[in-house]
Amino acid sequence: MEELTANVNWIAVAVGTIASFLLGALWYSPIGFGKKWARGSGLTRADADNTPAMALVTQFVGVFLFAWVVGVTETHNALLTILLITATFAVLLVANGYFAQKNAAARAIEAGYVVAMALVMVICQGIF
């Protein structure tokens, strides 16, 4: 367990989590990609506006875990490993989008958010 917690920059993990979660709020908002994503996912705007609280809680936990992984890789001087992890997440999201019959825009928006989160989290590790 120590390899997952020792010397992790928890401030950078916390800031990366909050910044990435807020980025998601903007990313999927009507001023971001929300309208295109909702159409491409087969949702109405009302569906997207009525996001269940559990979805947001689960998203926050996932964003925190991703930020923690970034923190662990930075601690072990393996930050480039995040490229592989991010590519894996993005490709799996695209595959899931195909299964869910989402259009290309929705798939790209979801995968793009994972890439954007990784970038924010790596920057937070560098700053803090």
C-alpha atoms as a PDB file:
ATOM      1  CA  MET A   1       0.000   0.000   0.000  1.00  0.00           C
ATOM      2  CA  GLU A   2       2.927   2.296   0.672  1.00  0.00           C
ATOM      3  CA  GLU A   3       3.774   2.535  -3.037  1.00  0.00           C
ATOM      4  CA  LEU A   4       0.321   4.071  -3.581  1.00  0.00           C
ATOM      5  CA  THR A   5       0.533   6.641  -0.803  1.00  0.00           C
ATOM      6  CA  ALA A   6       4.147   7.437   0.097  1.00  0.00           C
ATOM      7  CA  ASN A   7       5.362  10.827  -1.109  1.00  0.00           C
ATOM      8  CA  VAL A   8       2.206  11.496  -3.141  1.00  0.00           C
ATOM      9  CA  ASN A   9       1.613  15.230  -3.472  1.00  0.00           C
ATOM     10  CA  TRP A  10      -1.893  15.244  -2.018  1.00  0.00           C
ATOM     11  CA  ILE A  11      -2.314  18.977  -2.604  1.00  0.00           C
ATOM     12  CA  ALA A  12      -1.694  18.453  -6.330  1.00  0.00           C
ATOM     13  CA  VAL A  13      -4.080  15.471  -6.289  1.00  0.00           C
ATOM     14  CA  ALA A  14      -6.791  17.538  -4.573  1.00  0.00           C
ATOM     15  CA  VAL A  15      -6.351  20.559  -6.855  1.00  0.00           C
ATOM     16  CA  GLY A  16      -6.206  18.296  -9.921  1.00  0.00           C
ATOM     17  CA  THR A  17      -9.389  16.547  -8.820  1.00  0.00           C
ATOM     18  CA  ILE A  18     -11.331  19.755  -8.227  1.00  0.00           C
ATOM     19  CA  ALA A  19     -10.020  21.481 -11.367  1.00  0.00           C
ATOM     20  CA  SER A  20     -10.785  18.436 -13.546  1.00  0.00           C
ATOM     21  CA  PHE A  21     -14.255  17.991 -12.061  1.00  0.00           C
ATOM     22  CA  LEU A  22     -15.033  21.663 -12.696  1.00  0.00           C
ATOM     23  CA  LEU A  23     -13.633  21.294 -16.210  1.00  0.00           C
ATOM     24  CA  GLY A  24     -16.150  18.486 -16.708  1.00  0.00           C
ATOM     25  CA  ALA A  25     -18.977  20.773 -15.606  1.00  0.00           C
ATOM     26  CA  LEU A  26     -17.889  23.270 -18.256  1.00  0.00           C
ATOM     27  CA  TRP A  27     -17.064  20.584 -20.852  1.00  0.00           C
ATOM     28  CA  TYR A  28     -20.546  19.069 -20.696  1.00  0.00           C
ATOM     29  CA  SER A  29     -22.412  22.360 -20.203  1.00  0.00           C
ATOM     30  CA  PRO A  30     -24.490  24.041 -22.919  1.00  0.00           C
ATOM     31  CA  ILE A  31     -21.644  26.535 -23.499  1.00  0.00           C
ATOM     32  CA  GLY A  32     -19.188  23.660 -23.843  1.00  0.00           C
ATOM     33  CA  PHE A  33     -19.902  20.434 -25.690  1.00  0.00           C
ATOM     34  CA  GLY A  34     -23.069  19.543 -23.770  1.00  0.00           C
ATOM     35  CA  LYS A  35     -25.557  20.029 -26.588  1.00  0.00           C
ATOM     36  CA  LYS A  36     -23.554  18.002 -29.120  1.00  0.00           C
ATOM     37  CA  TRP A  37     -22.801  15.323 -26.541  1.00  0.00           C
ATOM     38  CA  ALA A  38     -26.463  15.007 -25.507  1.00  0.00           C
ATOM     39  CA  ARG A  39     -27.607  14.706 -29.145  1.00  0.00           C
ATOM     40  CA  GLY A  40     -24.871  12.205 -29.920  1.00  0.00           C
ATOM     41  CA  SER A  41     -25.757  10.163 -26.845  1.00  0.00           C
ATOM     42  CA  GLY A  42     -29.451  10.057 -27.652  1.00  0.00           C
ATOM     43  CA  LEU A  43     -30.391  12.322 -24.741  1.00  0.00           C
ATOM     44  CA  THR A  44     -32.590  15.363 -24.642  1.00  0.00           C
ATOM     45  CA  ARG A  45     -31.389  18.508 -22.928  1.00  0.00           C
ATOM     46  CA  ALA A  46     -33.875  17.778 -20.138  1.00  0.00           C
ATOM     47  CA  ASP A  47     -32.264  14.353 -19.648  1.00  0.00           C
ATOM     48  CA  ALA A  48     -28.837  15.939 -19.417  1.00  0.00           C
ATOM     49  CA  ASP A  49     -30.084  18.634 -17.018  1.00  0.00           C
ATOM     50  CA  ASN A  50     -31.581  16.015 -14.682  1.00  0.00           C
ATOM     51  CA  THR A  51     -28.315  14.235 -13.906  1.00  0.00           C
ATOM     52  CA  PRO A  52     -28.787  12.023 -10.843  1.00  0.00           C
ATOM     53  CA  ALA A  53     -26.706  12.967  -7.823  1.00  0.00           C
ATOM     54  CA  MET A  54     -25.177   9.485  -7.766  1.00  0.00           C
ATOM     55  CA  ALA A  55     -23.753  10.052 -11.263  1.00  0.00           C
ATOM     56  CA  LEU A  56     -21.989  13.199 -10.050  1.00  0.00           C
ATOM     57  CA  VAL A  57     -20.698  11.486  -6.901  1.00  0.00           C
ATOM     58  CA  THR A  58     -19.404   8.548  -8.929  1.00  0.00           C
ATOM     59  CA  GLN A  59     -17.776  10.916 -11.429  1.00  0.00           C
ATOM     60  CA  PHE A  60     -16.056  12.803  -8.601  1.00  0.00           C
ATOM     61  CA  VAL A  61     -14.708   9.569  -7.122  1.00  0.00           C
ATOM     62  CA  GLY A  62     -13.424   8.488 -10.552  1.00  0.00           C
ATOM     63  CA  VAL A  63     -11.765  11.867 -11.145  1.00  0.00           C
ATOM     64  CA  PHE A  64     -10.105  11.637  -7.710  1.00  0.00           C
ATOM     65  CA  LEU A  65      -8.819   8.124  -8.448  1.00  0.00           C
ATOM     66  CA  PHE A  66      -7.425   9.318 -11.793  1.00  0.00           C
ATOM     67  CA  ALA A  67      -5.693  12.267 -10.080  1.00  0.00           C
ATOM     68  CA  TRP A  68      -4.281   9.866  -7.489  1.00  0.00           C
ATOM     69  CA  VAL A  69      -2.872   7.628 -10.247  1.00  0.00           C
ATOM     70  CA  VAL A  70      -1.248  10.695 -11.801  1.00  0.00           C
ATOM     71  CA  GLY A  71       0.212  11.541  -8.381  1.00  0.00           C
ATOM     72  CA  VAL A  72       1.585   8.030  -7.925  1.00  0.00           C
ATOM     73  CA  THR A  73       3.214   8.009 -11.360  1.00  0.00           C
ATOM     74  CA  GLU A  74       4.796  11.402 -10.646  1.00  0.00           C
ATOM     75  CA  THR A  75       6.143  10.093  -7.332  1.00  0.00           C
ATOM     76  CA  HIS A  76       7.810   7.190  -9.141  1.00  0.00           C
ATOM     77  CA  ASN A  77       9.147   9.425 -11.936  1.00  0.00           C
ATOM     78  CA  ALA A  78       6.927   7.568 -14.386  1.00  0.00           C
ATOM     79  CA  LEU A  79       4.748  10.446 -15.479  1.00  0.00           C
ATOM     80  CA  LEU A  80       4.908   9.322 -19.107  1.00  0.00           C
ATOM     81  CA  THR A  81       3.007   6.237 -17.973  1.00  0.00           C
ATOM     82  CA  ILE A  82       0.014   8.568 -17.756  1.00  0.00           C
ATOM     83  CA  LEU A  83       0.079   8.779 -21.559  1.00  0.00           C
ATOM     84  CA  LEU A  84      -0.530   5.040 -21.735  1.00  0.00           C
ATOM     85  CA  ILE A  85      -3.175   5.116 -19.013  1.00  0.00           C
ATOM     86  CA  THR A  86      -4.947   8.080 -20.623  1.00  0.00           C
ATOM     87  CA  ALA A  87      -4.889   6.453 -24.053  1.00  0.00           C
ATOM     88  CA  THR A  88      -6.322   3.281 -22.508  1.00  0.00           C
ATOM     89  CA  PHE A  89      -9.180   5.169 -20.827  1.00  0.00           C
ATOM     90  CA  ALA A  90      -9.913   7.145 -23.995  1.00  0.00           C
ATOM     91  CA  VAL A  91      -9.982   4.070 -26.236  1.00  0.00           C
ATOM     92  CA  LEU A  92     -12.225   2.184 -23.791  1.00  0.00           C
ATOM     93  CA  LEU A  93     -14.615   5.150 -23.697  1.00  0.00           C
ATOM     94  CA  VAL A  94     -14.735   5.207 -27.488  1.00  0.00           C
ATOM     95  CA  ALA A  95     -15.451   1.462 -27.507  1.00  0.00           C
ATOM     96  CA  ASN A  96     -18.197   1.968 -24.935  1.00  0.00           C
ATOM     97  CA  GLY A  97     -19.608   4.725 -27.131  1.00  0.00           C
ATOM     98  CA  TYR A  98     -19.765   2.343 -30.069  1.00  0.00           C
ATOM     99  CA  PHE A  99     -21.614  -0.224 -27.926  1.00  0.00           C
ATOM    100  CA  ALA A 100     -24.031   2.483 -26.748  1.00  0.00           C
ATOM    101  CA  GLN A 101     -24.464   3.595 -30.381  1.00  0.00           C
ATOM    102  CA  LYS A 102     -23.310   7.144 -29.699  1.00  0.00           C
ATOM    103  CA  ASN A 103     -22.295   9.226 -32.674  1.00  0.00           C
ATOM    104  CA  ALA A 104     -18.705  10.211 -33.466  1.00  0.00           C
ATOM    105  CA  ALA A 105     -19.066  13.622 -31.793  1.00  0.00           C
ATOM    106  CA  ALA A 106     -20.207  12.121 -28.489  1.00  0.00           C
ATOM    107  CA  ARG A 107     -17.402   9.565 -28.558  1.00  0.00           C
ATOM    108  CA  ALA A 108     -14.815  12.264 -29.293  1.00  0.00           C
ATOM    109  CA  ILE A 109     -16.194  14.557 -26.569  1.00  0.00           C
ATOM    110  CA  GLU A 110     -15.968  11.806 -23.961  1.00  0.00           C
ATOM    111  CA  ALA A 111     -12.473  10.713 -24.979  1.00  0.00           C
ATOM    112  CA  GLY A 112     -11.367  14.338 -25.248  1.00  0.00           C
ATOM    113  CA  TYR A 113     -12.453  15.009 -21.686  1.00  0.00           C
ATOM    114  CA  VAL A 114     -10.238  12.178 -20.426  1.00  0.00           C
ATOM    115  CA  VAL A 115      -7.274  13.667 -22.305  1.00  0.00           C
ATOM    116  CA  ALA A 116      -8.071  17.147 -20.974  1.00  0.00           C
ATOM    117  CA  MET A 117      -8.321  15.811 -17.402  1.00  0.00           C
ATOM    118  CA  ALA A 118      -4.944  14.129 -17.705  1.00  0.00           C
ATOM    119  CA  LEU A 119      -3.400  17.363 -18.952  1.00  0.00           C
ATOM    120  CA  VAL A 120      -4.891  19.351 -16.051  1.00  0.00           C
ATOM    121  CA  MET A 121      -3.712  16.763 -13.533  1.00  0.00           C
ATOM    122  CA  VAL A 122      -0.168  16.636 -14.903  1.00  0.00           C
ATOM    123  CA  ILE A 123      -0.002  20.438 -14.845  1.00  0.00           C
ATOM    124  CA  CYS A 124      -1.171  20.416 -11.216  1.00  0.00           C
ATOM    125  CA  GLN A 125       1.587  17.947 -10.346  1.00  0.00           C
ATOM    126  CA  GLY A 126       4.096  20.323 -11.965  1.00  0.00           C
ATOM    127  CA  ILE A 127       2.781  23.444 -10.236  1.00  0.00           C
ATOM    128  CA  PHE A 128       2.176  22.107  -6.762  1.00  0.00           C
END
